[in-house]
N, C-alpha and C. Protein backbone atom coordinates (compact mmCIF):
# COMPACT_ATOMS: atom_id res chain seq x y z
N UNK A 1 0.82 -1.18 -0.02
CA UNK A 1 -0.07 0.08 0.00
C UNK A 1 0.95 1.30 -0.05
N UNK A 2 0.47 2.22 -0.59
CA UNK A 2 1.21 3.53 -0.66
C UNK A 2 0.87 4.27 0.63
N UNK A 3 2.02 4.22 1.45
CA UNK A 3 1.65 4.89 2.84
C UNK A 3 2.70 5.99 2.99
N UNK A 4 3.93 5.69 2.97
CA UNK A 4 4.86 6.88 3.04
C UNK A 4 4.69 7.47 4.44
N UNK A 5 5.18 8.61 4.55
CA UNK A 5 5.02 9.55 5.70
C UNK A 5 3.92 10.48 5.49
N UNK A 6 2.77 10.03 5.90
CA UNK A 6 1.58 10.77 5.77
C UNK A 6 1.40 11.80 6.75
N UNK A 7 1.23 13.11 6.26
CA UNK A 7 1.06 14.20 7.10
C UNK A 7 -0.41 14.42 7.63
N UNK A 8 -1.22 13.98 6.76
CA UNK A 8 -2.64 14.20 7.07
C UNK A 8 -3.26 12.83 6.79
N UNK A 9 -4.37 12.40 7.63
CA UNK A 9 -4.89 11.20 7.45
C UNK A 9 -5.77 11.14 6.00
N UNK A 10 -5.93 10.16 5.41
CA UNK A 10 -6.61 10.10 4.14
C UNK A 10 -8.03 10.52 4.31
N UNK A 11 -8.68 10.18 5.41
CA UNK A 11 -10.12 10.62 5.70
C UNK A 11 -10.27 12.04 5.63
N UNK A 12 -9.51 12.80 6.51
CA UNK A 12 -9.44 14.22 6.52
C UNK A 12 -9.22 14.83 5.18
N UNK A 13 -8.15 14.36 4.56
CA UNK A 13 -7.70 14.93 3.31
C UNK A 13 -8.75 14.69 2.15
N UNK A 14 -9.44 13.64 2.23
CA UNK A 14 -10.55 13.37 1.18
C UNK A 14 -11.70 14.27 1.38
N UNK A 15 -12.04 14.43 2.78
CA UNK A 15 -13.20 15.36 3.08
C UNK A 15 -12.93 16.70 2.35
N UNK A 16 -11.61 17.14 2.68
CA UNK A 16 -11.31 18.46 2.23
C UNK A 16 -11.20 18.56 0.61
N UNK A 17 -10.73 17.37 0.01
CA UNK A 17 -10.64 17.31 -1.41
C UNK A 17 -12.11 17.24 -2.00
N UNK A 18 -13.03 16.62 -1.37
CA UNK A 18 -14.44 16.61 -1.76
C UNK A 18 -14.99 18.00 -1.79
N UNK A 19 -14.49 18.87 -0.98
CA UNK A 19 -14.92 20.31 -0.86
C UNK A 19 -14.10 21.11 -1.94
N UNK A 20 -13.27 20.34 -2.72
CA UNK A 20 -12.47 20.91 -3.77
C UNK A 20 -11.44 21.89 -3.18
N UNK A 21 -10.89 21.61 -2.06
CA UNK A 21 -9.75 22.37 -1.52
C UNK A 21 -8.60 22.06 -2.29
N UNK A 22 -8.02 23.04 -2.96
CA UNK A 22 -6.80 22.87 -3.81
C UNK A 22 -5.61 22.26 -3.10
N UNK A 23 -5.36 22.62 -1.94
CA UNK A 23 -4.25 22.08 -1.18
C UNK A 23 -4.46 20.53 -0.95
N UNK A 24 -5.62 20.19 -0.61
CA UNK A 24 -5.93 18.85 -0.38
C UNK A 24 -5.81 17.94 -1.74
N UNK A 25 -6.40 18.53 -2.73
CA UNK A 25 -6.18 17.83 -4.12
C UNK A 25 -4.75 17.64 -4.44
N UNK A 26 -3.88 18.79 -4.25
CA UNK A 26 -2.56 18.66 -4.53
C UNK A 26 -1.90 17.56 -3.83
N UNK A 27 -2.18 17.56 -2.49
CA UNK A 27 -1.52 16.50 -1.68
C UNK A 27 -1.93 15.05 -1.99
N UNK A 28 -3.14 14.85 -2.35
CA UNK A 28 -3.52 13.59 -2.93
C UNK A 28 -2.79 13.21 -4.18
N UNK A 29 -2.59 14.19 -5.02
CA UNK A 29 -1.79 14.03 -6.24
C UNK A 29 -0.47 13.69 -5.93
N UNK A 30 0.19 14.29 -4.98
CA UNK A 30 1.58 14.11 -4.56
C UNK A 30 1.77 12.83 -3.98
N UNK A 31 0.80 12.42 -3.22
CA UNK A 31 0.83 11.08 -2.46
C UNK A 31 0.68 9.96 -3.33
N UNK A 32 -0.15 10.04 -4.35
CA UNK A 32 -0.41 8.80 -5.11
C UNK A 32 0.08 8.81 -6.52
N UNK A 33 0.71 9.90 -6.97
CA UNK A 33 1.19 10.05 -8.42
C UNK A 33 2.14 9.00 -8.82
N UNK A 34 3.16 8.68 -8.05
CA UNK A 34 4.11 7.69 -8.33
C UNK A 34 3.59 6.35 -8.65
N UNK A 35 2.77 5.89 -7.70
CA UNK A 35 2.21 4.54 -7.74
C UNK A 35 1.32 4.29 -9.04
N UNK A 36 0.45 5.39 -9.17
CA UNK A 36 -0.49 5.42 -10.37
C UNK A 36 0.41 5.34 -11.67
N UNK A 37 1.35 6.20 -11.72
CA UNK A 37 2.18 6.35 -12.85
C UNK A 37 2.97 5.00 -13.18
N UNK A 38 3.58 4.41 -12.15
CA UNK A 38 4.19 3.11 -12.35
C UNK A 38 3.18 1.99 -12.91
N UNK A 39 1.96 2.07 -12.26
CA UNK A 39 0.88 1.08 -12.83
C UNK A 39 0.66 1.40 -14.21
N UNK A 40 0.43 2.64 -14.60
CA UNK A 40 0.11 2.93 -15.94
C UNK A 40 1.30 2.58 -17.00
N UNK A 41 2.52 2.82 -16.51
CA UNK A 41 3.67 2.47 -17.28
C UNK A 41 3.79 1.07 -17.58
N UNK A 42 3.58 0.31 -16.49
CA UNK A 42 3.76 -1.18 -16.69
C UNK A 42 2.67 -1.74 -17.55
N UNK A 43 1.57 -1.10 -17.65
CA UNK A 43 0.37 -1.65 -18.49
C UNK A 43 0.53 -1.05 -19.84
N UNK A 44 0.99 0.01 -20.13
CA UNK A 44 1.07 0.66 -21.36
C UNK A 44 2.43 0.56 -22.05
N UNK A 45 3.47 0.84 -21.27
CA UNK A 45 4.77 0.65 -21.83
C UNK A 45 5.49 1.79 -22.56
N UNK A 46 4.71 2.96 -22.56
CA UNK A 46 5.29 4.16 -23.28
C UNK A 46 5.20 5.24 -22.31
N UNK A 47 6.29 5.97 -22.06
CA UNK A 47 6.47 6.92 -21.05
C UNK A 47 5.36 8.11 -21.25
N UNK A 48 5.28 8.70 -22.37
CA UNK A 48 4.28 9.85 -22.67
C UNK A 48 2.96 9.36 -22.51
N UNK A 49 2.61 8.20 -22.97
CA UNK A 49 1.16 7.66 -22.91
C UNK A 49 0.89 7.38 -21.40
N UNK A 50 1.85 6.92 -20.68
CA UNK A 50 1.72 6.64 -19.17
C UNK A 50 1.42 7.94 -18.41
N UNK A 51 2.15 8.92 -18.92
CA UNK A 51 2.00 10.25 -18.17
C UNK A 51 0.64 10.78 -18.49
N UNK A 52 0.17 10.76 -19.76
CA UNK A 52 -1.13 11.20 -20.17
C UNK A 52 -2.13 10.47 -19.40
N UNK A 53 -2.03 9.15 -19.32
CA UNK A 53 -3.02 8.28 -18.57
C UNK A 53 -3.08 8.70 -17.19
N UNK A 54 -1.89 8.84 -16.54
CA UNK A 54 -1.83 9.34 -15.01
C UNK A 54 -2.52 10.57 -14.81
N UNK A 55 -2.28 11.56 -15.67
CA UNK A 55 -3.00 12.84 -15.59
C UNK A 55 -4.62 12.61 -15.75
N UNK A 56 -4.92 11.71 -16.61
CA UNK A 56 -6.36 11.50 -16.74
C UNK A 56 -6.99 10.89 -15.54
N UNK A 57 -6.16 10.02 -14.84
CA UNK A 57 -6.65 9.49 -13.56
C UNK A 57 -6.88 10.54 -12.57
N UNK A 58 -6.02 11.58 -12.51
CA UNK A 58 -6.23 12.62 -11.38
C UNK A 58 -7.31 13.53 -11.91
N UNK A 59 -7.49 13.77 -13.12
CA UNK A 59 -8.55 14.63 -13.68
C UNK A 59 -9.83 13.91 -13.34
N UNK A 60 -9.97 12.71 -13.57
CA UNK A 60 -11.21 11.91 -13.28
C UNK A 60 -11.40 11.89 -11.79
N UNK A 61 -10.32 11.91 -10.99
CA UNK A 61 -10.46 12.04 -9.57
C UNK A 61 -11.04 13.18 -9.10
N UNK A 62 -10.53 14.27 -9.62
CA UNK A 62 -11.29 15.72 -9.36
C UNK A 62 -12.67 15.70 -9.68
N UNK A 63 -13.00 15.16 -10.97
CA UNK A 63 -14.40 15.26 -11.50
C UNK A 63 -15.26 14.46 -10.58
N UNK A 64 -14.90 13.29 -9.99
CA UNK A 64 -15.75 12.39 -9.42
C UNK A 64 -15.44 12.22 -7.92
N UNK A 65 -14.66 13.00 -7.33
CA UNK A 65 -14.29 12.74 -5.88
C UNK A 65 -15.41 12.87 -4.93
N UNK A 66 -16.44 13.77 -5.51
CA UNK A 66 -17.57 14.01 -4.65
C UNK A 66 -18.42 12.62 -4.53
N UNK A 67 -18.22 11.68 -5.39
CA UNK A 67 -18.97 10.46 -5.34
C UNK A 67 -18.23 9.38 -4.54
N UNK A 68 -16.95 9.60 -4.19
CA UNK A 68 -16.18 8.66 -3.47
C UNK A 68 -16.74 8.46 -2.08
N UNK A 69 -16.97 7.17 -1.78
CA UNK A 69 -17.47 6.79 -0.47
C UNK A 69 -16.50 5.60 0.02
N UNK A 70 -15.90 5.78 1.15
CA UNK A 70 -14.99 4.72 1.55
C UNK A 70 -15.88 3.42 1.98
N UNK A 71 -15.45 2.22 1.38
CA UNK A 71 -16.20 0.98 1.80
C UNK A 71 -15.20 0.35 2.81
N UNK A 72 -15.89 -0.58 3.65
CA UNK A 72 -15.12 -1.24 4.58
C UNK A 72 -13.96 -1.94 3.97
N UNK A 73 -12.73 -1.65 4.35
CA UNK A 73 -11.59 -2.33 3.82
C UNK A 73 -11.19 -1.78 2.54
N UNK A 74 -11.83 -0.85 1.79
CA UNK A 74 -11.43 -0.38 0.51
C UNK A 74 -10.85 0.96 0.76
N UNK A 75 -9.47 1.19 0.51
CA UNK A 75 -8.99 2.56 0.78
C UNK A 75 -9.06 3.41 -0.58
N UNK A 76 -8.71 4.63 -0.27
CA UNK A 76 -8.65 5.61 -1.46
C UNK A 76 -7.81 5.19 -2.57
N UNK A 77 -6.58 4.59 -2.27
CA UNK A 77 -5.69 4.18 -3.35
C UNK A 77 -6.40 3.05 -4.18
N UNK A 78 -7.18 2.17 -3.61
CA UNK A 78 -8.02 1.22 -4.45
C UNK A 78 -8.84 1.85 -5.46
N UNK A 79 -9.52 2.93 -5.15
CA UNK A 79 -10.48 3.63 -5.90
C UNK A 79 -9.63 4.29 -6.98
N UNK A 80 -8.48 4.85 -6.78
CA UNK A 80 -7.64 5.43 -7.82
C UNK A 80 -7.15 4.41 -8.77
N UNK A 81 -6.69 3.22 -8.20
CA UNK A 81 -6.20 2.17 -9.10
C UNK A 81 -7.32 1.55 -9.95
N UNK A 82 -8.47 1.55 -9.43
CA UNK A 82 -9.60 1.19 -10.29
C UNK A 82 -9.88 2.11 -11.41
N UNK A 83 -9.75 3.41 -11.15
CA UNK A 83 -9.88 4.39 -12.18
C UNK A 83 -8.74 4.19 -13.32
N UNK A 84 -7.51 3.98 -12.74
CA UNK A 84 -6.40 3.74 -13.65
C UNK A 84 -6.66 2.49 -14.54
N UNK A 85 -7.07 1.46 -13.82
CA UNK A 85 -7.35 0.09 -14.64
C UNK A 85 -8.42 0.44 -15.61
N UNK A 86 -9.57 1.05 -15.31
CA UNK A 86 -10.65 1.25 -16.28
C UNK A 86 -10.19 2.09 -17.42
N UNK A 87 -9.29 3.07 -17.10
CA UNK A 87 -8.70 3.87 -18.29
C UNK A 87 -7.89 3.09 -19.23
N UNK A 88 -7.00 2.16 -18.64
CA UNK A 88 -6.16 1.32 -19.52
C UNK A 88 -6.99 0.34 -20.28
N UNK A 89 -8.04 -0.22 -19.66
CA UNK A 89 -9.01 -1.12 -20.35
C UNK A 89 -9.63 -0.33 -21.49
N UNK A 90 -10.03 0.83 -21.29
CA UNK A 90 -10.72 1.69 -22.35
C UNK A 90 -9.82 2.08 -23.47
N UNK A 91 -8.54 2.31 -23.04
CA UNK A 91 -7.53 2.73 -24.07
C UNK A 91 -7.31 1.50 -25.04
N UNK A 92 -7.21 0.23 -24.61
CA UNK A 92 -6.94 -0.82 -25.31
C UNK A 92 -8.23 -1.26 -26.14
N UNK A 93 -9.33 -1.07 -25.50
CA UNK A 93 -10.62 -1.34 -26.20
C UNK A 93 -10.78 -0.47 -27.45
N UNK A 94 -10.43 0.88 -27.27
CA UNK A 94 -10.40 1.75 -28.30
C UNK A 94 -9.48 1.51 -29.44
N UNK A 95 -8.29 1.07 -28.88
CA UNK A 95 -7.14 0.80 -29.88
C UNK A 95 -7.28 -0.60 -30.57
N UNK A 96 -8.18 -1.43 -29.96
CA UNK A 96 -8.36 -2.71 -30.52
C UNK A 96 -7.19 -3.70 -30.47
N UNK A 97 -6.47 -3.45 -29.42
CA UNK A 97 -5.25 -4.43 -29.24
C UNK A 97 -5.12 -4.83 -27.80
N UNK A 98 -4.24 -5.77 -27.64
CA UNK A 98 -4.09 -6.23 -26.26
C UNK A 98 -3.14 -5.50 -25.53
N UNK A 99 -3.17 -5.56 -24.15
CA UNK A 99 -2.20 -4.77 -23.36
C UNK A 99 -0.79 -5.12 -23.60
N UNK A 100 0.06 -4.14 -23.46
CA UNK A 100 1.42 -4.44 -23.51
C UNK A 100 1.95 -5.32 -22.39
N UNK A 101 2.86 -6.22 -22.67
CA UNK A 101 3.30 -7.06 -21.53
C UNK A 101 4.06 -6.30 -20.51
N UNK A 102 3.78 -6.53 -19.33
CA UNK A 102 4.43 -5.90 -18.13
C UNK A 102 5.95 -6.01 -18.21
N UNK A 103 6.42 -7.12 -18.55
CA UNK A 103 7.94 -7.36 -18.42
C UNK A 103 8.73 -6.53 -19.40
N UNK A 104 8.15 -6.09 -20.41
CA UNK A 104 9.01 -5.33 -21.41
C UNK A 104 9.60 -4.09 -20.83
N UNK A 105 8.98 -3.58 -19.72
CA UNK A 105 9.36 -2.24 -19.30
C UNK A 105 9.83 -2.26 -17.81
N UNK A 106 10.30 -3.32 -17.36
CA UNK A 106 10.95 -3.37 -15.99
C UNK A 106 12.27 -2.76 -16.14
N UNK A 107 12.63 -1.96 -15.14
CA UNK A 107 13.93 -1.29 -15.17
C UNK A 107 15.14 -2.27 -14.85
N UNK A 108 16.12 -2.18 -15.61
CA UNK A 108 17.27 -3.15 -15.32
C UNK A 108 18.20 -2.45 -14.31
N UNK A 109 18.32 -2.96 -13.18
CA UNK A 109 19.19 -2.33 -12.16
C UNK A 109 20.38 -3.29 -11.91
N UNK A 110 20.90 -3.90 -12.97
CA UNK A 110 22.05 -4.74 -12.81
C UNK A 110 23.30 -3.97 -12.56
N UNK A 111 24.15 -4.42 -11.56
CA UNK A 111 25.45 -3.86 -11.31
C UNK A 111 26.26 -3.90 -12.59
N UNK A 112 26.99 -2.74 -12.80
CA UNK A 112 27.68 -2.63 -14.04
C UNK A 112 29.29 -3.07 -13.92
N UNK A 113 29.54 -3.82 -12.92
CA UNK A 113 31.02 -4.03 -12.75
C UNK A 113 31.57 -5.40 -13.28
N UNK A 114 30.71 -6.43 -13.29
CA UNK A 114 31.23 -7.67 -13.85
C UNK A 114 30.57 -8.04 -15.06
N UNK A 115 31.39 -8.06 -16.19
CA UNK A 115 30.62 -8.25 -17.48
C UNK A 115 29.99 -9.64 -17.57
N UNK A 116 30.53 -10.67 -17.12
CA UNK A 116 29.98 -11.98 -17.09
C UNK A 116 28.59 -12.05 -16.34
N UNK A 117 28.61 -11.43 -15.14
CA UNK A 117 27.44 -11.33 -14.33
C UNK A 117 26.39 -10.38 -15.13
N UNK A 118 26.92 -9.36 -15.71
CA UNK A 118 25.90 -8.48 -16.42
C UNK A 118 25.24 -9.29 -17.58
N UNK A 119 26.05 -10.14 -18.28
CA UNK A 119 25.53 -10.91 -19.32
C UNK A 119 24.40 -11.91 -18.84
N UNK A 120 24.88 -12.61 -17.85
CA UNK A 120 23.98 -13.66 -17.24
C UNK A 120 22.63 -12.99 -16.61
N UNK A 121 22.80 -11.84 -15.93
CA UNK A 121 21.59 -11.17 -15.48
C UNK A 121 20.76 -10.57 -16.53
N UNK A 122 21.47 -10.06 -17.65
CA UNK A 122 20.77 -9.61 -18.77
C UNK A 122 19.92 -10.74 -19.40
N UNK A 123 20.56 -11.85 -19.59
CA UNK A 123 20.05 -13.10 -20.27
C UNK A 123 18.77 -13.62 -19.37
N UNK A 124 18.97 -13.60 -18.02
CA UNK A 124 17.87 -14.00 -17.03
C UNK A 124 16.71 -12.97 -17.23
N UNK A 125 17.06 -11.82 -17.36
CA UNK A 125 16.03 -10.71 -17.42
C UNK A 125 15.29 -10.99 -18.75
N UNK A 126 15.93 -11.12 -19.84
CA UNK A 126 15.29 -11.42 -21.18
C UNK A 126 14.33 -12.58 -21.00
N UNK A 127 14.74 -13.69 -20.41
CA UNK A 127 13.97 -14.84 -20.23
C UNK A 127 12.76 -14.56 -19.34
N UNK A 128 12.97 -13.73 -18.31
CA UNK A 128 11.79 -13.38 -17.51
C UNK A 128 10.81 -12.54 -18.33
N UNK A 129 11.30 -11.66 -19.07
CA UNK A 129 10.36 -10.83 -19.96
C UNK A 129 9.66 -11.73 -20.92
N UNK A 130 10.36 -12.63 -21.51
CA UNK A 130 9.62 -13.53 -22.38
C UNK A 130 8.46 -14.34 -21.82
N UNK A 131 8.93 -14.87 -20.51
CA UNK A 131 7.85 -15.65 -19.71
C UNK A 131 6.67 -14.79 -19.33
N UNK A 132 7.03 -13.56 -18.94
CA UNK A 132 5.90 -12.61 -18.52
C UNK A 132 4.91 -12.33 -19.58
N UNK A 133 5.41 -12.30 -20.85
CA UNK A 133 4.61 -12.03 -22.11
C UNK A 133 3.55 -13.11 -22.27
N UNK A 134 3.87 -14.32 -21.74
CA UNK A 134 3.04 -15.44 -21.85
C UNK A 134 1.99 -15.59 -20.83
N UNK A 135 1.97 -14.72 -19.79
CA UNK A 135 0.99 -14.76 -18.73
C UNK A 135 -0.19 -14.01 -19.36
N UNK A 136 -1.41 -14.15 -18.68
CA UNK A 136 -2.57 -13.50 -19.03
C UNK A 136 -2.47 -12.02 -18.58
N UNK A 137 -3.19 -11.12 -19.27
CA UNK A 137 -3.18 -9.73 -18.87
C UNK A 137 -3.60 -9.58 -17.39
N UNK A 138 -4.44 -10.32 -16.86
CA UNK A 138 -4.87 -10.27 -15.40
C UNK A 138 -3.67 -10.74 -14.47
N UNK A 139 -2.95 -11.80 -14.94
CA UNK A 139 -1.80 -12.25 -14.24
C UNK A 139 -0.81 -11.26 -14.22
N UNK A 140 -0.45 -10.55 -15.36
CA UNK A 140 0.39 -9.44 -15.33
C UNK A 140 0.06 -8.36 -14.55
N UNK A 141 -1.15 -7.98 -14.39
CA UNK A 141 -1.66 -6.99 -13.64
C UNK A 141 -1.44 -7.27 -12.11
N UNK A 142 -1.78 -8.53 -11.73
CA UNK A 142 -1.50 -9.01 -10.36
C UNK A 142 -0.01 -8.78 -10.05
N UNK A 143 0.81 -9.41 -10.93
CA UNK A 143 2.37 -9.25 -10.66
C UNK A 143 2.75 -7.96 -10.50
N UNK A 144 2.26 -7.05 -11.40
CA UNK A 144 2.71 -5.53 -11.26
C UNK A 144 2.25 -5.00 -9.91
N UNK A 145 1.04 -5.15 -9.55
CA UNK A 145 0.59 -4.53 -8.27
C UNK A 145 1.25 -5.13 -7.10
N UNK A 146 1.43 -6.47 -7.08
CA UNK A 146 2.06 -7.21 -5.97
C UNK A 146 3.64 -6.85 -5.77
N UNK A 147 4.32 -6.96 -6.90
CA UNK A 147 5.74 -6.99 -6.89
C UNK A 147 6.44 -5.73 -7.44
N UNK A 148 5.85 -4.97 -8.16
CA UNK A 148 6.49 -3.67 -8.54
C UNK A 148 5.87 -2.59 -7.70
N UNK A 149 4.53 -2.58 -7.55
CA UNK A 149 3.98 -1.50 -6.61
C UNK A 149 3.91 -1.89 -5.09
N UNK A 150 4.25 -3.19 -4.86
CA UNK A 150 4.40 -3.78 -3.45
C UNK A 150 3.21 -3.56 -2.72
N UNK A 151 2.10 -3.76 -3.25
CA UNK A 151 0.77 -3.65 -2.61
C UNK A 151 0.46 -4.97 -1.94
N UNK A 152 -0.22 -4.96 -0.73
CA UNK A 152 -0.49 -6.28 -0.12
C UNK A 152 -1.74 -6.90 -0.77
N UNK A 153 -2.00 -8.09 -0.38
CA UNK A 153 -2.97 -8.98 -1.08
C UNK A 153 -4.33 -8.23 -1.00
N UNK A 154 -4.68 -7.69 0.29
CA UNK A 154 -6.09 -7.08 0.34
C UNK A 154 -6.18 -5.93 -0.53
N UNK A 155 -5.11 -5.19 -0.68
CA UNK A 155 -5.25 -3.97 -1.59
C UNK A 155 -5.43 -4.39 -3.06
N UNK A 156 -4.62 -5.40 -3.43
CA UNK A 156 -4.82 -5.98 -4.78
C UNK A 156 -6.05 -6.58 -5.08
N UNK A 157 -6.65 -7.28 -4.11
CA UNK A 157 -8.07 -7.83 -4.20
C UNK A 157 -9.09 -6.64 -4.41
N UNK A 158 -8.84 -5.61 -3.63
CA UNK A 158 -9.93 -4.57 -3.85
C UNK A 158 -9.79 -3.91 -5.22
N UNK A 159 -8.53 -3.67 -5.68
CA UNK A 159 -8.31 -2.98 -7.05
C UNK A 159 -8.80 -3.95 -8.18
N UNK A 160 -8.55 -5.33 -7.90
CA UNK A 160 -9.01 -6.28 -9.06
C UNK A 160 -10.41 -6.76 -8.83
N UNK A 161 -11.02 -6.36 -7.75
CA UNK A 161 -12.39 -6.71 -7.42
C UNK A 161 -12.44 -8.28 -7.34
N UNK A 162 -11.60 -8.71 -6.47
CA UNK A 162 -11.52 -10.26 -6.23
C UNK A 162 -11.46 -10.39 -4.73
N UNK A 163 -11.78 -11.58 -4.21
CA UNK A 163 -11.57 -11.97 -2.91
C UNK A 163 -9.95 -12.12 -2.66
N UNK A 164 -9.52 -11.84 -1.41
CA UNK A 164 -8.15 -12.12 -1.25
C UNK A 164 -7.63 -13.61 -1.49
N UNK A 165 -8.48 -14.50 -1.19
CA UNK A 165 -8.23 -15.92 -1.49
C UNK A 165 -7.98 -16.10 -2.90
N UNK A 166 -8.79 -15.46 -3.85
CA UNK A 166 -8.72 -15.59 -5.24
C UNK A 166 -7.41 -15.00 -5.73
N UNK A 167 -6.98 -13.86 -5.01
CA UNK A 167 -5.79 -13.15 -5.40
C UNK A 167 -4.61 -14.00 -5.02
N UNK A 168 -4.62 -14.79 -3.87
CA UNK A 168 -3.55 -15.76 -3.45
C UNK A 168 -3.53 -16.90 -4.53
N UNK A 169 -4.62 -17.39 -4.96
CA UNK A 169 -4.71 -18.52 -5.90
C UNK A 169 -4.09 -17.96 -7.26
N UNK A 170 -4.52 -16.93 -7.71
CA UNK A 170 -4.06 -16.29 -9.06
C UNK A 170 -2.50 -16.11 -8.87
N UNK A 171 -2.21 -15.44 -7.74
CA UNK A 171 -0.62 -15.17 -7.65
C UNK A 171 0.15 -16.53 -7.68
N UNK A 172 -0.37 -17.55 -7.05
CA UNK A 172 0.35 -18.96 -7.01
C UNK A 172 0.36 -19.36 -8.39
N UNK A 173 -0.80 -19.35 -9.12
CA UNK A 173 -0.75 -19.80 -10.52
C UNK A 173 0.20 -19.05 -11.39
N UNK A 174 0.23 -17.69 -11.25
CA UNK A 174 1.09 -16.85 -12.12
C UNK A 174 2.57 -17.17 -11.72
N UNK A 175 2.90 -17.37 -10.48
CA UNK A 175 4.32 -17.66 -10.10
C UNK A 175 4.64 -19.00 -10.56
N UNK A 176 3.72 -19.99 -10.43
CA UNK A 176 4.05 -21.30 -10.95
C UNK A 176 4.21 -21.34 -12.48
N UNK A 177 3.45 -20.61 -13.15
CA UNK A 177 3.66 -20.44 -14.61
C UNK A 177 4.97 -19.87 -14.97
N UNK A 178 5.44 -18.79 -14.23
CA UNK A 178 6.55 -18.22 -14.50
C UNK A 178 7.77 -19.13 -14.24
N UNK A 179 7.55 -19.89 -13.15
CA UNK A 179 8.71 -20.86 -12.78
C UNK A 179 8.82 -21.89 -13.81
N UNK A 180 7.66 -22.34 -14.34
CA UNK A 180 7.55 -23.40 -15.47
C UNK A 180 8.17 -22.93 -16.68
N UNK A 181 7.84 -21.65 -17.08
CA UNK A 181 8.33 -21.12 -18.23
C UNK A 181 9.79 -20.78 -18.11
N UNK A 182 10.20 -20.32 -16.97
CA UNK A 182 11.63 -20.00 -16.91
C UNK A 182 12.42 -21.25 -16.83
N UNK A 183 11.92 -22.34 -16.52
CA UNK A 183 12.74 -23.57 -16.40
C UNK A 183 12.76 -24.32 -17.71
N UNK A 184 11.96 -23.89 -18.66
CA UNK A 184 12.06 -24.54 -19.98
C UNK A 184 13.26 -24.13 -20.61
N UNK A 185 13.96 -24.98 -21.37
CA UNK A 185 15.22 -24.62 -22.18
C UNK A 185 14.89 -23.77 -23.29
N UNK A 186 15.66 -22.69 -23.38
CA UNK A 186 15.44 -21.81 -24.50
C UNK A 186 16.09 -22.51 -25.71
N UNK A 187 15.30 -22.54 -26.90
CA UNK A 187 15.87 -23.30 -28.09
C UNK A 187 17.18 -22.76 -28.56
N UNK A 188 17.43 -21.41 -28.38
CA UNK A 188 18.68 -20.82 -28.89
C UNK A 188 19.76 -21.36 -27.88
N UNK A 189 19.49 -21.47 -26.61
CA UNK A 189 20.58 -21.95 -25.64
C UNK A 189 20.82 -23.47 -25.91
N UNK A 190 19.81 -24.15 -26.24
CA UNK A 190 20.00 -25.61 -26.58
C UNK A 190 20.98 -25.92 -27.73
N UNK A 191 20.74 -24.95 -28.65
CA UNK A 191 21.73 -25.00 -29.98
C UNK A 191 23.18 -24.80 -29.55
N UNK A 192 23.34 -23.81 -28.71
CA UNK A 192 24.68 -23.47 -28.16
C UNK A 192 25.33 -24.48 -27.24
N UNK A 193 24.60 -25.27 -26.59
CA UNK A 193 25.12 -26.14 -25.65
C UNK A 193 25.83 -27.44 -26.34
């Protein structure tokens, strides 16, 4: 969950934002921008488009914040992620194509000192990307929310409109599929061996 060092409780901040207090709206923007942008970028894969979609999320937030009602266990970030998800779905529906694979756009944080290690890590990363592309869009979304945005299972469940148990099961299946796909021998590697 996106917690950070919160100066003001979400409840108070949301009440002020619902009254269209510019300071409260700006604080919500600052508090949630990074997470929403990361989510948009992992689903779209293009920086400018992710920035545009993120801005659309916050414009939609301002337009409809008066309708936001906290539900038991559902936080404000869940509401924002749901807006982001709906905008991503709408974007691909209009474009008539499937979502970009999450793995194509993970940042490479490989240490740059050992060339052999760099090559192996780069190769492992490529294999992970290839495997990620074979997951369903829903599994990719779950992996992005759990392991890139570091959201807990309950938060992911609210965003994806699933029960926590279903999220656990989906996560288990997605990770098992990744493990199976990663353990398969790459045909190019088999020829080299």
